[in-house]
């Protein structure tokens, strides 16, 4: 994650994502990778999920994004 996005909220987003993956049993199936600047700092925090870039990602919309992209498991 770029430092600007990290300061704009991706630190909390990362913590939320890690907890979500653990809670729903996806830890072994999802790879979290940071990246340097994506040249879109003003639109941050930015998050790329499965090749699609999302801008202005807040905790308020993150759970919905994760459910759409990663899903949920009831057997976790």
Protein backbone atom coordinates (compact mmCIF):
# COMPACT_ATOMS: atom_id res chain seq x y z
CA UNK A 1 0.00 0.00 0.00
CA UNK A 2 1.27 3.40 -0.83
CA UNK A 3 2.10 5.60 2.14
CA UNK A 4 -0.51 8.22 1.19
CA UNK A 5 -3.30 5.63 1.07
CA UNK A 6 -2.03 4.11 4.29
CA UNK A 7 -2.31 7.49 6.02
CA UNK A 8 -5.73 8.12 4.46
CA UNK A 9 -7.23 5.00 5.98
CA UNK A 10 -5.84 1.86 4.39
CA UNK A 11 -4.15 0.93 7.68
CA UNK A 12 -7.61 0.43 9.20
CA UNK A 13 -8.85 -1.13 5.97
CA UNK A 14 -6.03 -3.69 6.08
CA UNK A 15 -6.87 -4.61 9.68
CA UNK A 16 -10.53 -4.97 8.72
CA UNK A 17 -9.69 -7.15 5.70
CA UNK A 18 -7.45 -9.44 7.77
CA UNK A 19 -10.18 -9.86 10.41
CA UNK A 20 -12.83 -10.48 7.73
CA UNK A 21 -10.74 -13.15 6.03
CA UNK A 22 -10.04 -14.86 9.35
CA UNK A 23 -13.67 -14.73 10.44
CA UNK A 24 -14.96 -16.16 7.16
CA UNK A 25 -12.27 -18.82 6.67
CA UNK A 26 -10.47 -17.37 3.65
CA UNK A 27 -7.02 -16.78 5.15
CA UNK A 28 -5.33 -19.59 3.19
CA UNK A 29 -7.05 -18.68 -0.08
CA UNK A 30 -6.48 -14.92 -0.31
CA UNK A 31 -3.15 -13.25 -0.90
CA UNK A 32 -2.73 -9.71 0.40
CA UNK A 33 -0.13 -7.74 -1.49
CA UNK A 34 0.89 -4.14 -1.00
CA UNK A 35 1.99 -1.89 -3.81
CA UNK A 36 3.70 1.40 -4.24
CA UNK A 37 1.98 4.46 -5.55
CA UNK A 38 -0.68 3.82 -8.16
CA UNK A 39 -0.58 7.52 -9.20
CA UNK A 40 -4.10 8.05 -7.85
CA UNK A 41 -3.30 9.50 -4.43
CA UNK A 42 -6.05 12.12 -4.51
CA UNK A 43 -8.65 9.40 -4.94
CA UNK A 44 -7.40 7.33 -2.00
CA UNK A 45 -7.49 5.31 -0.06
CA UNK A 46 -7.29 3.00 -3.05
CA UNK A 47 -7.73 -0.74 -3.00
CA UNK A 48 -7.40 -3.26 -5.81
CA UNK A 49 -9.46 -6.43 -5.58
CA UNK A 50 -9.13 -9.10 -8.27
CA UNK A 51 -7.68 -6.60 -10.73
CA UNK A 52 -10.32 -3.92 -10.21
CA UNK A 53 -9.35 -0.63 -8.58
CA UNK A 54 -11.63 0.95 -6.00
CA UNK A 55 -11.15 4.56 -4.85
CA UNK A 56 -12.17 6.30 -1.65
CA UNK A 57 -12.51 3.00 0.17
CA UNK A 58 -13.79 3.47 3.70
CA UNK A 59 -14.69 0.98 6.40
CA UNK A 60 -18.33 1.77 5.70
CA UNK A 61 -18.20 0.20 2.22
CA UNK A 62 -15.40 -2.32 2.73
CA UNK A 63 -17.54 -5.16 4.14
CA UNK A 64 -19.90 -4.94 1.17
CA UNK A 65 -16.98 -4.95 -1.28
CA UNK A 66 -15.46 -8.00 0.39
CA UNK A 67 -18.76 -9.87 0.33
CA UNK A 68 -19.11 -9.14 -3.39
CA UNK A 69 -15.53 -10.02 -4.32
CA UNK A 70 -14.49 -12.67 -1.82
CA UNK A 71 -17.83 -13.91 -0.48
CA UNK A 72 -18.88 -15.40 2.79
CA UNK A 73 -18.59 -18.83 4.28
CA UNK A 74 -20.88 -20.22 6.88
CA UNK A 75 -18.56 -23.14 7.70
CA UNK A 76 -15.81 -20.94 9.12
